[in-house]
Amino acid sequence: MSSINGNSLIARNYRTKHPDMPTKKLARIMYAENNLSFISEERARSSLRYIEGKNGNYLRKPSVKNSEFYKAEARPYNPYNLPQSYQEKREPFKLPLACNNILLISDLHIPYHDIDAITIALSYGKEHKVNTIFINGDLIDNSQVSRFEKDMKKRSVKQEFDATKEFLIQLRNLFPVASIYWLKGNHCIRWEKFLEQKVREIWDDPYFHLEERLQLNEQKIQILDDTILVKAGKLSITHGHHIFKGIFVPVSPARGAFLRAKQSVIVGHLHRASFHPETDLDGNVIGCWSTGCLCELRPAYSPLVSNSQHGFAHILVESSGDFTVKNYQIINGKLH
């Protein structure tokens, strides 16, 4: 009960400061600034809907004494008494306009990261004075909570968390004033799936989630759910595991991304650098990119044959939303 009351108090404070802001937008801000109190943006939205009297009839009880934030729906909520819907309306997360000089790295798979490749990427970011670091998924490997066959020689969960935390501390030290975002990838969410499936009793305790376990607030790092599409101006950013599903592993990841997305997008996930342009009937150019990784190129599950490549991207965004992508490969310690 104390957690609910605490979240409601946060919701009341934010609604007092922003009385006319749309609920969903305010929930996004609440979650971004209090992601240790809310496990998701939807939880933050539920707290706002609760104080506004929109969370269903069972919550609209006299016992909820403070009704100053109750808001009448602009239209009947469910005039035909249709059954309750669990649909989720997804909106993209737009990077602030100030985040216009972006170093995009992905697929570090800590603690199986490649120190030389990461050093080159971070040195490039320092040299070009980037104001934003965007980690596009799979920062941590989470090998021991994988559903695949486990190698007992792999590092423990604690070792992986400790190494990831150490990396993030060093990243913040290197870029003390930069905005840092971490979009979860399929390896990142292995931990959450493990908690949900194996130890549901502690699933709702924020202490065991990545935000708290890695103390992201201390390093001022914002983590984003893997289901969120990120926008840097007119460029979409996603890790890629929701695009390359099942047996869909294209020869060119960038072309495969275009076939699914039909818009300009940059992805990681497949550890291969590629570019694919298309021009529509109006003459607009659509560009799709996939970036290389910053982890070991021949992991234990593919020790002899691997098409992985080291790489990262540099994204410049104009005030109009137009953008430039420089997609680098790292070959023998040199940028290409």
Foldseek 3Di string as FASTA:
>chain_A
DVLLVVLLVLLVVLCVVPVPDDLLVSLVVSCQVPVLSPVDSVSSSCSNCLLQVNNDPVSPDVVVPDNPNHDDDPDDPCVPPDDDDPDDDADAAEDDLVQFKEWEAEQQQPPQFAVLLVVVSLVVCLVVVGQEYEYFENLHQQQVLDPDDGDVVDDDPVNRLVRSLVVLVVSCVSNVRHAYEYEYDPRQCSQLVSCVPPPVVCSPNSCSHSCNSSVCVVSNYGYHYQVHWYAHQQETEHACDVQCDDPNDDPAVQVSSCVRPVAAYEYEDLQDWDKDWDADPVRDIGIGIYAHHRGDQQDPVRNDDGPHFRWIWIKGADPNSDIDIDTWTQDPSDTD
